[in-house]
Amino acid sequence: MTKHTHRFVEEFDGLVGFGFDREGDENTLTYYLQKFSDDECMALIRERISQGDMEELFDLLTRLLKACLAEKEYHQVFLKEGK
């Protein structure tokens, strides 16, 4: 059984653009992150990304996870533990 989903990018038919309003920004961010994390896209990025950029991206993601998710949510929603 698959634990991870990327349905938003497949189903979203609204405007993809940043800076208009909060809802549009949220939708655009979700859209871009799901496209970015696509296996084919990530395979190319992994080949080309510098060590410094990897560290910067990892630090950003870790900081956002800590700021936005409680520890229980981190384990249940991000790590998919216990599901």
Protein backbone atom coordinates (compact mmCIF):
# COMPACT_ATOMS: atom_id res chain seq x y z
CA MET A 1 0.00 0.00 0.00
CA THR A 2 1.32 3.41 -0.96
CA LYS A 3 1.72 5.84 1.93
CA HIS A 4 2.55 8.99 -0.03
CA THR A 5 0.28 10.94 -2.35
CA HIS A 6 0.71 13.71 -4.88
CA ARG A 7 -2.92 14.15 -5.92
CA PHE A 8 -2.98 17.95 -5.75
CA VAL A 9 -0.72 18.45 -8.77
CA GLU A 10 -2.77 15.96 -10.78
CA GLU A 11 -6.15 17.50 -9.93
CA PHE A 12 -5.49 21.24 -9.54
CA ASP A 13 -6.80 23.33 -12.42
CA GLY A 14 -6.48 26.82 -10.96
CA LEU A 15 -3.96 29.57 -11.51
CA VAL A 16 -0.33 28.75 -10.77
CA GLY A 17 1.25 32.04 -9.80
CA PHE A 18 2.80 33.53 -6.71
CA GLY A 19 2.14 36.87 -5.06
CA PHE A 20 -1.55 37.47 -5.75
CA ASP A 21 -3.14 36.22 -2.52
CA ARG A 22 -2.54 33.74 0.29
CA GLU A 23 -4.70 30.95 -1.16
CA GLY A 24 -3.05 31.25 -4.56
CA ASP A 25 0.39 31.24 -2.94
CA GLU A 26 -0.48 28.10 -0.95
CA ASN A 27 -1.78 26.36 -4.08
CA THR A 28 1.26 27.39 -6.12
CA LEU A 29 3.67 26.23 -3.42
CA THR A 30 1.94 22.84 -3.21
CA TYR A 31 1.94 22.54 -7.00
CA TYR A 32 5.64 23.43 -7.33
CA LEU A 33 6.75 21.17 -4.47
CA GLN A 34 4.87 18.19 -5.88
CA LYS A 35 6.30 18.80 -9.35
CA PHE A 36 9.78 19.30 -7.85
CA SER A 37 9.61 16.03 -5.91
CA ASP A 38 8.53 13.99 -8.93
CA ASP A 39 10.89 11.01 -9.26
CA GLU A 40 12.06 11.95 -12.76
CA CYS A 41 12.67 15.58 -11.84
CA MET A 42 14.50 14.65 -8.62
CA ALA A 43 16.71 12.17 -10.49
CA LEU A 44 18.02 15.04 -12.63
CA ILE A 45 18.32 17.43 -9.71
CA ARG A 46 20.24 14.87 -7.62
CA GLU A 47 22.79 14.52 -10.42
CA ARG A 48 23.31 18.29 -10.70
CA ILE A 49 22.75 19.87 -7.30
CA SER A 50 25.78 21.13 -5.41
CA GLN A 51 26.58 19.95 -1.90
CA GLY A 52 25.98 23.48 -0.63
CA ASP A 53 22.54 23.67 -2.24
CA MET A 54 21.64 20.25 -0.83
CA GLU A 55 22.60 21.42 2.66
CA GLU A 56 20.67 24.66 2.24
CA LEU A 57 17.55 22.84 1.01
CA PHE A 58 17.76 20.25 3.78
CA ASP A 59 18.17 22.97 6.42
CA LEU A 60 15.19 24.90 5.04
CA LEU A 61 12.95 21.83 4.97
CA THR A 62 13.99 20.79 8.46
CA ARG A 63 13.38 24.29 9.82
CA LEU A 64 9.91 24.43 8.22
CA LEU A 65 8.97 20.99 9.52
CA LYS A 66 10.00 21.99 13.04
CA ALA A 67 8.12 25.30 12.81
CA CYS A 68 4.91 23.98 11.24
CA LEU A 69 4.42 20.51 12.70
CA ALA A 70 4.12 19.33 16.26
CA GLU A 71 6.30 16.30 17.04
CA LYS A 72 3.31 13.93 16.86
CA GLU A 73 2.30 15.40 13.48
CA TYR A 74 5.88 15.06 12.24
CA HIS A 75 5.83 11.34 13.01
CA GLN A 76 2.30 10.69 11.77
CA VAL A 77 2.02 13.02 8.78
CA PHE A 78 5.59 13.43 7.50
CA LEU A 79 7.23 10.13 8.48
CA LYS A 80 3.97 8.17 8.07
CA GLU A 81 4.68 6.15 11.21
CA GLY A 82 1.83 4.10 12.56
CA LYS A 83 -0.27 4.31 9.42
